Amino acid sequence: IKNSEFDRYGFKKTNHYISTKDYNDWWDEYCPHLIRRKNKWVKLLEKNGLYLNSDGIPSRFPVKSEEMSKFVKKGIPAEWRGRAWFSFVHGNERIKENKGLYEELVKQSIDLVNENTDAIEKDLHRTFPENIYFKNYTDPATNTEVESPMLNTLRRVLKCFSLYKPTIGYCQSLNFITGLLLLFMEEEETFWMLVIITEKFLPGVHESNLEGLAVNQGMLLLCLKQHLPDVWKIIMDNDREDCDSYDSNNDDDTSYLFFLPTLTFCTTNWFMSLFIGVLPIETTLRIWDIIFYEDSKTIFQICLGIFKMLDPELRKIYLSMNNRSSSNLSDTGNTSFGSVNSFNKELLSSELFQLIQNTPKRIVNVNLFIEECFRHDSSSFCKLTQPEIQRCRNFVISSRERHST
């Protein structure tokens, strides 16, 4: 793929954030890693009495273990991904339990027209418009534009999902999650994978009231407070004037979980699209490997990993802005801390927003990033467990219910 402008998944290799040189330098180092890892995967399968099918893909994977977890974190061979993901989330059990349901939904959705299908149609051609598999093409015989078969499949899956999950119907970003799944899975598998993602990994996030999204944002704030307290302080101080009800000196005050800080707008898409468009595509796929194997705790570990990487630059911007404000205010004789923090607040918010929004798009060195997220001597959040995340979720839900009354 080195001489092509597209990567192995059909996406453009370079963009505003990653140059051709950056991509090629990374790929030259990454390609041998992929070959080594696949050879090790084959040996792992053989050790567990498992082998490749005639299509070169295993039908089964080893049971969960510490060794298997390490293998997943170092990446699943791309051509195995769809089967691996579906195996990890027990997707075949869903199909067996609901035999014939997808075919019935397809029939019901053929002539379906409502606000969900209207929204789906609007988003279809916005889904990976530069990816070669989603682009329409010109029929040389008639010289007319023909819709990509992938878009037609995407339409069916999304319409069926809107029927099956009426509490969600259709929500923007589901088109991207579904589209990426379709690059690795068959149509019915993609449908059930989307159902599982919205139920297990992103509960409530795509529902019409977006309460699940607000809960996840609150959970991330709690995780930041515990594992990256300096980052948490910057985010909260940036909203000092907007969160008058929040008492920073009172550890029992959880009002910020209801009146979410402004900077949580930056992380909305981290949850809504499960990092698609937030991180480079290979980085996103490697993270999906871990999420579907480990559980939703991984989503928060990755969020924390991004903030950990941003930490030095966040502090630099924050301190620079406060020093500039202090200097300006001292000329007028005003040196109060609250005034200092509120001075040039819009500029500070803008700089922090741009940093959080744009820097993750440059994380092309996925091996280094994942190592930083899960190295035991590198961060406390690498030990985050699923029960801890569930307790965190329950706490945020109860706090938000309390503050809403």
Protein backbone atom coordinates (compact mmCIF):
# COMPACT_ATOMS: atom_id res chain seq x y z
CA ILE A 1 0.00 0.00 0.00
CA LYS A 2 3.01 2.31 0.23
CA ASN A 3 2.58 3.68 -3.30
CA SER A 4 -1.17 4.10 -2.98
CA GLU A 5 -2.94 7.13 -1.53
CA PHE A 6 -5.32 4.73 0.26
CA ASP A 7 -4.64 2.41 3.20
CA ARG A 8 -5.60 -1.27 3.37
CA TYR A 9 -9.12 -0.40 4.54
CA GLY A 10 -9.83 2.01 1.67
CA PHE A 11 -9.30 5.24 3.64
CA LYS A 12 -7.00 8.05 2.54
CA LYS A 13 -3.69 7.63 4.31
CA THR A 14 -2.96 11.30 4.86
CA ASN A 15 -4.94 14.33 5.96
CA HIS A 16 -4.51 17.74 7.55
CA TYR A 17 -3.03 16.11 10.67
CA ILE A 18 -0.85 13.31 9.23
CA SER A 19 1.57 13.96 6.36
CA THR A 20 2.58 11.42 3.72
CA LYS A 21 6.05 11.24 5.26
CA ASP A 22 4.66 10.69 8.78
CA TYR A 23 2.39 7.93 7.51
CA ASN A 24 5.05 6.16 5.44
CA ASP A 25 7.64 6.35 8.23
CA TRP A 26 5.14 4.81 10.62
CA TRP A 27 4.02 2.15 8.11
CA ASP A 28 7.61 1.09 7.35
CA GLU A 29 8.01 0.26 11.04
CA TYR A 30 4.48 -1.05 11.59
CA CYS A 31 4.29 -3.48 8.66
CA PRO A 32 6.98 -5.87 10.03
CA HIS A 33 5.19 -5.70 13.40
CA LEU A 34 2.00 -6.97 11.73
CA ILE A 35 3.82 -9.90 10.16
CA ARG A 36 5.47 -10.86 13.46
CA ARG A 37 2.21 -10.59 15.37
CA LYS A 38 0.27 -12.75 12.89
CA ASN A 39 2.90 -15.49 13.13
CA LYS A 40 2.62 -15.37 16.92
CA TRP A 41 -1.17 -15.53 16.71
CA VAL A 42 -0.99 -18.67 14.57
CA LYS A 43 1.31 -20.29 17.16
CA LEU A 44 -1.06 -19.25 19.97
CA LEU A 45 -3.96 -20.89 18.16
CA GLU A 46 -1.99 -24.10 17.59
CA LYS A 47 -1.00 -24.17 21.26
CA ASN A 48 -4.70 -24.09 22.12
CA GLY A 49 -5.64 -26.75 19.57
CA LEU A 50 -7.15 -24.24 17.17
CA TYR A 51 -6.36 -23.77 13.50
CA LEU A 52 -7.14 -21.58 10.50
CA ASN A 53 -10.06 -22.44 8.23
CA SER A 54 -9.74 -22.71 4.47
CA ASP A 55 -10.37 -18.96 4.26
CA GLY A 56 -7.30 -18.33 6.41
CA ILE A 57 -9.35 -17.14 9.39
CA PRO A 58 -9.92 -19.07 12.65
CA SER A 59 -13.53 -19.91 13.49
CA ARG A 60 -12.75 -19.96 17.21
CA PHE A 61 -10.37 -18.11 19.52
CA PRO A 62 -8.71 -19.12 22.79
CA VAL A 63 -10.65 -18.62 26.02
CA LYS A 64 -10.02 -15.47 28.03
CA SER A 65 -6.65 -15.39 29.75
CA GLU A 66 -3.86 -13.00 30.65
CA GLU A 67 -1.90 -14.23 27.65
CA MET A 68 -4.85 -13.72 25.31
CA SER A 69 -5.36 -10.19 26.70
CA LYS A 70 -1.74 -9.33 25.89
CA PHE A 71 -2.14 -10.65 22.36
CA VAL A 72 -5.30 -8.59 21.79
CA LYS A 73 -3.59 -5.42 23.07
CA LYS A 74 -0.84 -5.94 20.50
CA GLY A 75 -3.37 -6.17 17.69
CA ILE A 76 -5.53 -8.74 15.91
CA PRO A 77 -4.67 -9.54 12.27
CA ALA A 78 -6.88 -7.26 10.18
CA GLU A 79 -8.47 -10.08 8.15
CA TRP A 80 -9.43 -11.86 11.40
CA ARG A 81 -11.02 -8.84 13.06
CA GLY A 82 -14.66 -9.32 12.16
CA ARG A 83 -14.72 -12.91 13.34
CA ALA A 84 -12.71 -12.12 16.45
CA TRP A 85 -14.94 -9.21 17.49
CA PHE A 86 -18.10 -11.24 16.95
CA SER A 87 -16.63 -14.13 18.92
CA PHE A 88 -15.58 -11.89 21.82
CA VAL A 89 -19.09 -10.45 22.25
CA HIS A 90 -20.82 -13.83 21.75
CA GLY A 91 -22.56 -12.57 18.65
CA ASN A 92 -23.37 -16.03 17.26
CA GLU A 93 -25.45 -16.69 20.36
CA ARG A 94 -27.59 -13.63 19.49
CA ILE A 95 -28.14 -14.96 15.97
CA LYS A 96 -29.11 -18.41 17.26
CA GLU A 97 -31.49 -16.91 19.83
CA ASN A 98 -33.10 -14.72 17.16
CA LYS A 99 -33.06 -16.97 14.11
CA GLY A 100 -34.74 -15.34 11.12
CA LEU A 101 -35.32 -12.01 12.93
CA TYR A 102 -32.95 -9.98 10.77
CA GLU A 103 -34.49 -11.26 7.55
CA GLU A 104 -37.93 -10.30 8.90
CA LEU A 105 -36.68 -6.80 9.82
CA VAL A 106 -35.28 -6.38 6.30
CA LYS A 107 -38.72 -7.18 4.84
CA GLN A 108 -40.43 -4.73 7.22
CA SER A 109 -37.97 -1.98 6.41
CA ILE A 110 -38.17 -2.12 2.59
CA ASP A 111 -40.97 0.45 2.26
CA LEU A 112 -40.40 2.07 5.66
CA VAL A 113 -40.55 5.88 5.58
CA ASN A 114 -40.40 7.98 8.76
CA GLU A 115 -38.18 10.57 10.45
CA ASN A 116 -35.53 7.92 11.14
CA THR A 117 -35.29 6.78 7.53
CA ASP A 118 -35.17 10.43 6.41
CA ALA A 119 -32.23 11.05 8.74
CA ILE A 120 -30.53 7.85 7.57
CA GLU A 121 -30.81 8.93 3.92
CA LYS A 122 -29.25 12.31 4.72
CA ASP A 123 -26.30 10.68 6.48
CA LEU A 124 -25.63 7.84 4.03
CA HIS A 125 -23.47 9.84 1.65
CA ARG A 126 -21.72 11.59 4.54
CA THR A 127 -20.42 8.21 5.71
CA PHE A 128 -16.72 7.90 4.85
CA PRO A 129 -17.21 9.79 1.55
CA GLU A 130 -13.55 9.38 0.56
CA ASN A 131 -13.35 5.66 1.34
CA ILE A 132 -13.17 3.62 -1.87
CA TYR A 133 -15.79 1.12 -0.65
CA PHE A 134 -18.39 3.79 0.13
CA LYS A 135 -17.92 5.94 -2.97
CA ASN A 136 -20.47 5.82 -5.76
CA TYR A 137 -19.09 4.88 -9.16
CA THR A 138 -19.91 5.59 -12.79
CA ASP A 139 -21.35 2.78 -14.90
CA PRO A 140 -19.28 2.89 -18.11
CA ALA A 141 -22.12 1.36 -20.15
CA THR A 142 -24.68 4.05 -19.29
CA ASN A 143 -22.36 6.79 -18.02
CA THR A 144 -24.61 7.18 -14.97
CA GLU A 145 -23.71 7.25 -11.30
CA VAL A 146 -24.38 4.01 -9.44
CA GLU A 147 -24.72 3.81 -5.68
CA SER A 148 -22.02 1.87 -3.89
CA PRO A 149 -23.29 -1.58 -2.77
CA MET A 150 -21.78 -0.80 0.64
CA LEU A 151 -24.10 2.20 1.04
CA ASN A 152 -27.11 0.06 0.22
CA THR A 153 -26.07 -2.47 2.85
CA LEU A 154 -25.48 0.35 5.34
CA ARG A 155 -29.00 1.66 4.65
CA ARG A 156 -30.56 -1.76 5.33
CA VAL A 157 -28.69 -2.29 8.60
CA LEU A 158 -29.54 1.18 9.93
CA LYS A 159 -33.23 0.90 8.96
CA CYS A 160 -33.47 -2.53 10.59
CA PHE A 161 -31.76 -1.22 13.70
CA SER A 162 -34.20 1.71 13.92
CA LEU A 163 -37.08 -0.81 13.95
CA TYR A 164 -35.43 -3.11 16.47
CA LYS A 165 -34.34 -0.31 18.85
CA PRO A 166 -37.18 2.26 18.86
CA THR A 167 -35.74 4.00 21.95
CA ILE A 168 -32.82 4.96 19.71
CA GLY A 169 -34.27 4.81 16.22
CA TYR A 170 -31.45 6.50 14.39
CA CYS A 171 -28.78 8.79 15.79
CA GLN A 172 -25.91 10.48 13.98
CA SER A 173 -22.62 8.61 14.43
CA LEU A 174 -24.33 5.21 14.22
CA ASN A 175 -23.70 5.44 10.47
CA PHE A 176 -19.94 5.59 11.09
CA ILE A 177 -19.89 2.76 13.62
CA THR A 178 -21.98 0.60 11.29
CA GLY A 179 -19.93 1.54 8.25
CA LEU A 180 -16.66 0.58 9.92
CA LEU A 181 -18.13 -2.71 11.10
CA LEU A 182 -19.24 -3.51 7.53
CA LEU A 183 -15.61 -3.39 6.37
CA PHE A 184 -14.95 -6.44 8.55
CA MET A 185 -18.28 -8.27 8.91
CA GLU A 186 -21.23 -9.64 7.01
CA GLU A 187 -24.47 -7.70 7.07
CA GLU A 188 -26.39 -9.66 9.74
CA GLU A 189 -23.32 -9.85 11.97
CA THR A 190 -22.95 -6.07 11.67
CA PHE A 191 -26.57 -5.58 12.73
CA TRP A 192 -26.16 -7.67 15.88
CA MET A 193 -22.78 -6.13 16.62
CA LEU A 194 -24.42 -2.68 16.53
CA VAL A 195 -27.14 -3.90 18.89
CA ILE A 196 -24.53 -5.25 21.32
CA ILE A 197 -22.45 -2.06 21.15
CA THR A 198 -25.44 0.14 22.00
CA GLU A 199 -26.61 -2.18 24.78
CA LYS A 200 -23.38 -3.28 26.42
CA PHE A 201 -20.60 -0.87 25.56
CA LEU A 202 -22.47 2.43 25.08
CA PRO A 203 -25.74 2.01 27.04
CA GLY A 204 -28.11 4.92 26.51
CA VAL A 205 -25.51 7.01 24.66
CA HIS A 206 -27.52 7.17 21.42
CA GLU A 207 -31.02 7.44 22.89
CA SER A 208 -33.00 10.54 21.97
CA ASN A 209 -32.54 12.27 25.35
CA LEU A 210 -28.75 11.57 25.23
CA GLU A 211 -28.84 10.89 28.99
CA GLY A 212 -26.50 7.93 28.53
CA LEU A 213 -23.99 10.27 26.90
CA ALA A 214 -24.21 12.68 29.84
CA VAL A 215 -23.69 9.74 32.23
CA ASN A 216 -20.56 8.67 30.36
CA GLN A 217 -19.26 12.24 30.44
CA GLY A 218 -19.83 12.32 34.19
CA MET A 219 -18.05 8.99 34.58
CA LEU A 220 -15.08 10.35 32.66
CA LEU A 221 -14.96 13.39 34.98
CA LEU A 222 -14.89 11.10 38.03
CA CYS A 223 -12.11 9.03 36.44
CA LEU A 224 -10.12 12.20 35.72
CA LYS A 225 -10.60 13.42 39.28
CA GLN A 226 -9.20 10.15 40.63
CA HIS A 227 -6.45 9.34 38.12
CA LEU A 228 -5.47 12.71 36.55
CA PRO A 229 -6.43 15.32 39.18
CA ASP A 230 -4.43 18.15 37.57
CA VAL A 231 -6.30 17.71 34.29
CA TRP A 232 -9.59 17.58 36.19
CA LYS A 233 -8.71 20.86 37.95
CA ILE A 234 -7.98 22.59 34.64
CA ILE A 235 -11.31 21.44 33.19
CA MET A 236 -13.23 22.55 36.27
CA ASP A 237 -11.37 25.87 36.66
CA ASN A 238 -12.07 26.68 33.03
CA ASP A 239 -15.79 26.56 33.96
CA ARG A 240 -15.45 28.47 37.22
CA GLU A 241 -17.94 31.18 36.20
CA ASP A 242 -20.34 28.76 34.50
CA CYS A 243 -20.60 26.42 37.47
CA ASP A 244 -21.44 28.83 40.27
CA SER A 245 -23.34 26.08 42.07
CA TYR A 246 -20.24 23.87 42.26
CA ASP A 247 -18.14 24.17 45.46
CA SER A 248 -14.58 23.07 44.63
CA ASN A 249 -13.71 22.95 48.33
CA ASN A 250 -16.47 20.48 49.09
CA ASP A 251 -15.55 16.92 48.07
CA ASP A 252 -19.18 15.87 48.54
CA ASP A 253 -20.43 18.34 45.93
CA THR A 254 -21.33 16.37 42.79
CA SER A 255 -23.31 19.09 41.00
CA TYR A 256 -20.68 19.11 38.23
CA LEU A 257 -21.98 15.66 37.22
CA PHE A 258 -25.28 17.30 36.32
CA PHE A 259 -24.07 20.73 35.15
CA LEU A 260 -21.33 19.29 32.96
CA PRO A 261 -18.29 21.50 32.22
CA THR A 262 -18.09 23.13 28.79
CA LEU A 263 -15.02 21.14 27.77
CA THR A 264 -17.02 17.91 27.83
CA PHE A 265 -18.26 19.03 24.39
CA CYS A 266 -14.78 18.01 23.18
CA THR A 267 -15.28 14.42 24.28
CA THR A 268 -18.85 13.97 23.01
CA ASN A 269 -17.69 12.26 19.83
CA TRP A 270 -15.30 10.01 21.75
CA PHE A 271 -18.37 8.18 23.04
CA MET A 272 -20.88 8.79 20.24
CA SER A 273 -18.65 7.42 17.47
CA LEU A 274 -16.47 5.16 19.64
CA PHE A 275 -13.36 7.15 18.60
CA ILE A 276 -14.05 7.14 14.84
CA GLY A 277 -12.84 10.48 13.50
CA VAL A 278 -11.21 11.19 16.87
CA LEU A 279 -8.17 8.99 16.30
CA PRO A 280 -6.51 7.70 13.09
CA ILE A 281 -8.30 4.67 11.68
CA GLU A 282 -5.65 2.06 12.60
CA THR A 283 -5.52 3.42 16.15
CA THR A 284 -9.33 3.25 16.37
CA LEU A 285 -9.40 -0.35 15.14
CA ARG A 286 -6.71 -1.45 17.59
CA ILE A 287 -8.73 0.14 20.39
CA TRP A 288 -11.88 -1.65 19.21
CA ASP A 289 -9.95 -4.93 19.45
CA ILE A 290 -9.42 -4.26 23.15
CA ILE A 291 -12.89 -2.84 23.88
CA PHE A 292 -14.71 -5.86 22.45
CA TYR A 293 -12.39 -8.24 24.27
CA GLU A 294 -12.16 -6.48 27.64
CA ASP A 295 -15.46 -4.52 28.05
CA SER A 296 -16.51 -0.88 28.37
CA LYS A 297 -13.81 -0.08 30.95
CA THR A 298 -11.42 0.16 27.99
CA ILE A 299 -13.34 3.16 26.61
CA PHE A 300 -12.53 5.11 29.77
CA GLN A 301 -8.94 3.88 29.90
CA ILE A 302 -8.43 5.18 26.36
CA CYS A 303 -10.05 8.52 27.24
CA LEU A 304 -7.73 8.80 30.22
CA GLY A 305 -4.79 7.80 28.03
CA ILE A 306 -5.58 10.66 25.64
CA PHE A 307 -5.81 13.15 28.51
CA LYS A 308 -2.58 11.82 30.01
CA MET A 309 -0.85 12.47 26.70
CA LEU A 310 -2.38 15.97 26.59
CA ASP A 311 -1.53 16.75 30.23
CA PRO A 312 1.80 18.62 29.68
CA GLU A 313 0.36 20.84 26.94
CA LEU A 314 -2.87 21.45 28.89
CA ARG A 315 -0.83 22.68 31.85
CA LYS A 316 1.34 24.83 29.61
CA ILE A 317 -1.66 26.58 28.06
CA TYR A 318 -3.41 26.93 31.40
CA LEU A 319 -0.38 28.37 33.23
CA SER A 320 0.53 30.63 30.32
CA MET A 321 -2.96 32.07 30.18
CA ASN A 322 -3.12 32.58 33.94
CA ASN A 323 0.31 34.20 34.00
CA ARG A 324 -0.75 36.53 31.20
CA SER A 325 -3.97 37.33 33.03
CA SER A 326 -2.14 37.92 36.32
CA SER A 327 0.24 40.31 34.62
CA ASN A 328 -2.61 42.24 33.02
CA LEU A 329 -4.65 42.35 36.21
CA SER A 330 -1.74 43.44 38.41
CA ASP A 331 -1.51 46.58 36.27
CA THR A 332 -5.03 47.46 37.37
CA GLY A 333 -4.45 46.45 40.99
CA ASN A 334 -6.79 43.45 40.74
CA THR A 335 -5.07 40.25 41.85
CA SER A 336 -7.95 38.09 43.10
CA PHE A 337 -7.71 34.41 42.11
CA GLY A 338 -11.25 34.22 40.79
CA SER A 339 -10.74 37.23 38.55
CA VAL A 340 -7.43 35.91 37.32
CA ASN A 341 -9.00 32.64 36.24
CA SER A 342 -11.93 34.36 34.53
CA PHE A 343 -9.73 36.80 32.63
CA ASN A 344 -9.46 35.90 28.94
CA LYS A 345 -11.66 32.90 29.69
CA GLU A 346 -12.98 32.61 26.14
CA LEU A 347 -9.44 32.53 24.75
CA LEU A 348 -8.43 29.89 27.28
CA SER A 349 -11.47 27.75 26.45
CA SER A 350 -10.75 28.07 22.74
CA GLU A 351 -7.10 26.99 23.10
CA LEU A 352 -7.96 24.07 25.36
CA PHE A 353 -10.79 23.01 23.04
CA GLN A 354 -8.52 23.06 19.98
CA LEU A 355 -5.86 21.04 21.79
CA ILE A 356 -8.30 18.34 22.98
CA GLN A 357 -10.09 18.25 19.63
CA ASN A 358 -7.11 18.08 17.29
CA THR A 359 -4.17 16.39 19.02
CA PRO A 360 -5.69 12.86 19.14
CA LYS A 361 -6.02 12.92 15.34
CA ARG A 362 -2.21 12.76 15.18
CA ILE A 363 -1.82 9.59 17.29
CA VAL A 364 -0.63 7.41 14.42
CA ASN A 365 1.90 5.46 16.51
CA VAL A 366 -0.70 3.13 17.96
CA ASN A 367 1.78 0.71 19.55
CA LEU A 368 3.28 3.48 21.66
CA PHE A 369 -0.11 4.90 22.59
CA ILE A 370 -1.57 1.57 23.71
CA GLU A 371 1.57 0.75 25.66
CA GLU A 372 1.26 4.06 27.52
CA CYS A 373 -2.41 3.38 28.28
CA PHE A 374 -1.88 -0.12 29.69
CA ARG A 375 1.63 -0.14 31.14
CA HIS A 376 1.38 -0.84 34.87
CA ASP A 377 4.27 1.45 35.74
CA SER A 378 2.91 4.23 33.52
CA SER A 379 -0.59 4.93 34.86
CA SER A 380 -2.93 4.00 37.67
CA PHE A 381 -5.93 3.76 35.33
CA CYS A 382 -4.45 0.72 33.55
CA LYS A 383 -5.73 -1.29 36.54
CA LEU A 384 -9.28 0.01 36.19
CA THR A 385 -11.75 -2.87 36.47
CA GLN A 386 -15.22 -3.40 35.02
CA PRO A 387 -16.87 -3.56 38.50
CA GLU A 388 -15.27 -0.18 39.31
CA ILE A 389 -16.68 1.28 36.11
CA GLN A 390 -20.12 -0.12 36.92
CA ARG A 391 -20.00 1.40 40.43
CA CYS A 392 -18.94 4.69 38.85
CA ARG A 393 -21.88 4.49 36.42
CA ASN A 394 -24.35 3.81 39.24
CA PHE A 395 -22.96 6.75 41.26
CA VAL A 396 -23.25 9.19 38.34
CA ILE A 397 -26.79 8.05 37.54
CA SER A 398 -27.93 8.50 41.14
CA SER A 399 -26.14 11.89 41.41
CA ARG A 400 -27.77 13.16 38.24
CA GLU A 401 -31.19 11.98 39.41
CA ARG A 402 -30.68 13.77 42.72
CA HIS A 403 -29.68 17.07 41.09
CA SER A 404 -32.49 16.92 38.52
CA THR A 405 -35.18 17.08 41.19
